[in-house]
C-alpha atoms as a PDB file:
ATOM      1  CA  UNK A   1     -17.985  -1.999   0.176  1.00  0.00           C
ATOM      2  CA  UNK A   2     -14.934  -3.114   2.102  1.00  0.00           C
ATOM      3  CA  UNK A   3     -12.738  -6.007   1.092  1.00  0.00           C
ATOM      4  CA  UNK A   4     -14.078  -7.994   4.052  1.00  0.00           C
ATOM      5  CA  UNK A   5     -17.534  -8.143   2.495  1.00  0.00           C
ATOM      6  CA  UNK A   6     -16.117  -9.562  -0.719  1.00  0.00           C
ATOM      7  CA  UNK A   7     -13.913 -12.047   1.139  1.00  0.00           C
ATOM      8  CA  UNK A   8     -17.024 -13.290   2.936  1.00  0.00           C
ATOM      9  CA  UNK A   9     -18.477 -14.375  -0.395  1.00  0.00           C
ATOM     10  CA  UNK A  10     -15.571 -16.711  -1.249  1.00  0.00           C
ATOM     11  CA  UNK A  11     -16.990 -20.237  -1.563  1.00  0.00           C
ATOM     12  CA  UNK A  12     -14.006 -21.962   0.045  1.00  0.00           C
ATOM     13  CA  UNK A  13     -13.959 -19.669   3.058  1.00  0.00           C
ATOM     14  CA  UNK A  14     -10.956 -17.771   4.318  1.00  0.00           C
ATOM     15  CA  UNK A  15      -8.323 -19.849   6.056  1.00  0.00           C
ATOM     16  CA  UNK A  16      -6.394 -16.901   7.456  1.00  0.00           C
ATOM     17  CA  UNK A  17      -7.348 -14.030   9.726  1.00  0.00           C
ATOM     18  CA  UNK A  18     -10.076 -12.442   7.586  1.00  0.00           C
ATOM     19  CA  UNK A  19      -9.940  -9.080   9.341  1.00  0.00           C
ATOM     20  CA  UNK A  20      -6.166  -8.793   8.929  1.00  0.00           C
ATOM     21  CA  UNK A  21      -6.376  -9.747   5.242  1.00  0.00           C
ATOM     22  CA  UNK A  22      -9.221  -7.314   4.582  1.00  0.00           C
ATOM     23  CA  UNK A  23      -7.428  -4.497   6.390  1.00  0.00           C
ATOM     24  CA  UNK A  24      -4.225  -5.116   4.402  1.00  0.00           C
ATOM     25  CA  UNK A  25      -6.120  -5.262   1.093  1.00  0.00           C
ATOM     26  CA  UNK A  26      -7.961  -2.028   1.858  1.00  0.00           C
ATOM     27  CA  UNK A  27      -4.744  -0.338   3.017  1.00  0.00           C
ATOM     28  CA  UNK A  28      -2.795  -1.356  -0.092  1.00  0.00           C
ATOM     29  CA  UNK A  29      -5.579  -0.219  -2.424  1.00  0.00           C
ATOM     30  CA  UNK A  30      -5.840   3.132  -0.647  1.00  0.00           C
ATOM     31  CA  UNK A  31      -2.076   3.547  -0.645  1.00  0.00           C
ATOM     32  CA  UNK A  32      -1.841   2.774  -4.355  1.00  0.00           C
ATOM     33  CA  UNK A  33      -4.447   5.418  -5.167  1.00  0.00           C
ATOM     34  CA  UNK A  34      -2.940   8.090  -2.904  1.00  0.00           C
ATOM     35  CA  UNK A  35       0.606   7.471  -4.118  1.00  0.00           C
ATOM     36  CA  UNK A  36      -0.591   7.815  -7.707  1.00  0.00           C
ATOM     37  CA  UNK A  37      -2.384  11.048  -6.810  1.00  0.00           C
ATOM     38  CA  UNK A  38       0.672  12.348  -4.967  1.00  0.00           C
ATOM     39  CA  UNK A  39       2.932  11.616  -7.949  1.00  0.00           C
ATOM     40  CA  UNK A  40       0.522  13.470 -10.195  1.00  0.00           C
ATOM     41  CA  UNK A  41       0.384  16.423  -7.801  1.00  0.00           C
ATOM     42  CA  UNK A  42       4.196  16.455  -7.576  1.00  0.00           C
ATOM     43  CA  UNK A  43       4.316  16.724 -11.369  1.00  0.00           C
ATOM     44  CA  UNK A  44       2.224  19.890 -11.137  1.00  0.00           C
ATOM     45  CA  UNK A  45       4.466  21.568  -8.559  1.00  0.00           C
ATOM     46  CA  UNK A  46       6.612  24.482  -9.777  1.00  0.00           C
ATOM     47  CA  UNK A  47       9.736  22.764  -8.396  1.00  0.00           C
ATOM     48  CA  UNK A  48       9.009  19.520 -10.260  1.00  0.00           C
ATOM     49  CA  UNK A  49      12.701  18.742 -10.874  1.00  0.00           C
ATOM     50  CA  UNK A  50      13.264  18.696  -7.121  1.00  0.00           C
ATOM     51  CA  UNK A  51      10.353  16.259  -6.760  1.00  0.00           C
ATOM     52  CA  UNK A  52      11.793  13.573  -9.080  1.00  0.00           C
ATOM     53  CA  UNK A  53      12.811  11.212  -6.257  1.00  0.00           C
ATOM     54  CA  UNK A  54       9.428  11.626  -4.587  1.00  0.00           C
ATOM     55  CA  UNK A  55       7.591  10.955  -7.851  1.00  0.00           C
ATOM     56  CA  UNK A  56       9.602   7.816  -8.497  1.00  0.00           C
ATOM     57  CA  UNK A  57       9.000   6.522  -4.957  1.00  0.00           C
ATOM     58  CA  UNK A  58       5.286   7.334  -5.261  1.00  0.00           C
ATOM     59  CA  UNK A  59       4.977   5.381  -8.494  1.00  0.00           C
ATOM     60  CA  UNK A  60       7.009   2.423  -7.200  1.00  0.00           C
ATOM     61  CA  UNK A  61       4.869   2.325  -4.078  1.00  0.00           C
ATOM     62  CA  UNK A  62       1.628   2.558  -6.054  1.00  0.00           C
ATOM     63  CA  UNK A  63       2.639  -0.357  -8.277  1.00  0.00           C
ATOM     64  CA  UNK A  64       3.828  -2.597  -5.447  1.00  0.00           C
ATOM     65  CA  UNK A  65       0.733  -1.846  -3.367  1.00  0.00           C
ATOM     66  CA  UNK A  66      -1.514  -2.635  -6.328  1.00  0.00           C
ATOM     67  CA  UNK A  67       0.232  -5.968  -6.913  1.00  0.00           C
ATOM     68  CA  UNK A  68       0.106  -6.760  -3.191  1.00  0.00           C
ATOM     69  CA  UNK A  69      -3.631  -6.120  -3.041  1.00  0.00           C
ATOM     70  CA  UNK A  70      -4.190  -8.484  -5.948  1.00  0.00           C
ATOM     71  CA  UNK A  71      -2.090 -11.292  -4.450  1.00  0.00           C
ATOM     72  CA  UNK A  72      -3.754 -10.914  -1.053  1.00  0.00           C
ATOM     73  CA  UNK A  73      -7.206 -10.979  -2.634  1.00  0.00           C
ATOM     74  CA  UNK A  74      -6.609 -14.425  -4.126  1.00  0.00           C
ATOM     75  CA  UNK A  75      -7.665 -17.026  -1.562  1.00  0.00           C
ATOM     76  CA  UNK A  76      -7.793 -20.171  -3.691  1.00  0.00           C
ATOM     77  CA  UNK A  77      -4.709 -22.377  -3.147  1.00  0.00           C
ATOM     78  CA  UNK A  78      -3.244 -20.069  -0.484  1.00  0.00           C
ATOM     79  CA  UNK A  79       0.530 -19.608  -0.862  1.00  0.00           C
ATOM     80  CA  UNK A  80       1.910 -18.314   2.438  1.00  0.00           C
ATOM     81  CA  UNK A  81       5.459 -17.889   1.099  1.00  0.00           C
ATOM     82  CA  UNK A  82       4.270 -15.684  -1.746  1.00  0.00           C
ATOM     83  CA  UNK A  83       2.060 -13.631   0.571  1.00  0.00           C
ATOM     84  CA  UNK A  84       5.012 -13.112   2.935  1.00  0.00           C
ATOM     85  CA  UNK A  85       7.254 -12.006   0.068  1.00  0.00           C
ATOM     86  CA  UNK A  86       4.805  -9.460  -1.321  1.00  0.00           C
ATOM     87  CA  UNK A  87       3.996  -8.146   2.153  1.00  0.00           C
ATOM     88  CA  UNK A  88       7.686  -7.678   2.925  1.00  0.00           C
ATOM     89  CA  UNK A  89       8.209  -5.882  -0.397  1.00  0.00           C
ATOM     90  CA  UNK A  90       5.176  -3.700   0.238  1.00  0.00           C
ATOM     91  CA  UNK A  91       6.380  -2.790   3.720  1.00  0.00           C
ATOM     92  CA  UNK A  92       9.807  -1.857   2.338  1.00  0.00           C
ATOM     93  CA  UNK A  93       8.502   0.332  -0.488  1.00  0.00           C
ATOM     94  CA  UNK A  94       5.922   2.005   1.762  1.00  0.00           C
ATOM     95  CA  UNK A  95       8.609   2.871   4.311  1.00  0.00           C
ATOM     96  CA  UNK A  96      10.781   4.369   1.578  1.00  0.00           C
ATOM     97  CA  UNK A  97       7.888   6.364   0.122  1.00  0.00           C
ATOM     98  CA  UNK A  98       6.794   7.590   3.550  1.00  0.00           C
ATOM     99  CA  UNK A  99      10.328   8.822   4.215  1.00  0.00           C
ATOM    100  CA  UNK A 100      10.641  10.601   0.868  1.00  0.00           C
ATOM    101  CA  UNK A 101       7.191  12.180   1.038  1.00  0.00           C
ATOM    102  CA  UNK A 102       7.886  13.020   4.658  1.00  0.00           C
ATOM    103  CA  UNK A 103      10.698  15.295   3.510  1.00  0.00           C
ATOM    104  CA  UNK A 104       8.081  17.418   1.691  1.00  0.00           C
ATOM    105  CA  UNK A 105       5.179  17.143   4.145  1.00  0.00           C
ATOM    106  CA  UNK A 106       5.602  20.668   5.494  1.00  0.00           C
ATOM    107  CA  UNK A 107       5.444  22.208   2.012  1.00  0.00           C
ATOM    108  CA  UNK A 108       3.051  19.927   0.127  1.00  0.00           C
ATOM    109  CA  UNK A 109      -0.177  18.645   1.682  1.00  0.00           C
ATOM    110  CA  UNK A 110      -0.370  15.813  -0.855  1.00  0.00           C
ATOM    111  CA  UNK A 111       3.003  14.542   0.411  1.00  0.00           C
ATOM    112  CA  UNK A 112       1.799  14.658   4.021  1.00  0.00           C
ATOM    113  CA  UNK A 113      -1.303  12.657   3.148  1.00  0.00           C
ATOM    114  CA  UNK A 114       0.751  10.185   1.126  1.00  0.00           C
ATOM    115  CA  UNK A 115       3.343   9.696   3.884  1.00  0.00           C
ATOM    116  CA  UNK A 116       0.611   9.095   6.477  1.00  0.00           C
ATOM    117  CA  UNK A 117      -1.139   6.629   4.158  1.00  0.00           C
ATOM    118  CA  UNK A 118       2.113   4.752   3.568  1.00  0.00           C
ATOM    119  CA  UNK A 119       2.634   4.517   7.344  1.00  0.00           C
ATOM    120  CA  UNK A 120      -0.890   3.100   7.712  1.00  0.00           C
ATOM    121  CA  UNK A 121      -0.192   0.571   4.967  1.00  0.00           C
ATOM    122  CA  UNK A 122       3.006  -0.550   6.695  1.00  0.00           C
ATOM    123  CA  UNK A 123       1.040  -1.179   9.888  1.00  0.00           C
ATOM    124  CA  UNK A 124      -1.693  -3.159   8.115  1.00  0.00           C
ATOM    125  CA  UNK A 125       0.789  -5.256   6.134  1.00  0.00           C
ATOM    126  CA  UNK A 126       2.926  -5.912   9.198  1.00  0.00           C
ATOM    127  CA  UNK A 127      -0.157  -7.009  11.174  1.00  0.00           C
ATOM    128  CA  UNK A 128      -1.012  -9.536   8.467  1.00  0.00           C
ATOM    129  CA  UNK A 129       2.592 -10.691   8.180  1.00  0.00           C
ATOM    130  CA  UNK A 130       2.604 -11.298  11.950  1.00  0.00           C
ATOM    131  CA  UNK A 131      -0.299 -13.777  11.678  1.00  0.00           C
ATOM    132  CA  UNK A 132       0.843 -15.647   8.548  1.00  0.00           C
END
């Protein structure tokens, strides 16, 4: 089930662009999961010491994306300023993670997937930020 289906059940209705919110929620949830998986995979690499920066960026990104998804999911008493702030933070951390994982994309498939997912999350969050 996508986030859109759950948003449709909200008794007060959605005052913002439902599709943009749903896309951003789904993107942040996916990004959180993939960044967590990438960090775990990095820990299993033989050159784990060289992956420390990537692991840290993965975990930061996973946490910020998770928090962003939770804030965006809450529709009661909409707070546009808070949504803007978390979206901007999410965009920043996703860009940083995409860049760091991008450095390893040719050697580690999990980093390629993570970097691409972070790029997708940036696009979804930016699209929602543009309509707030």
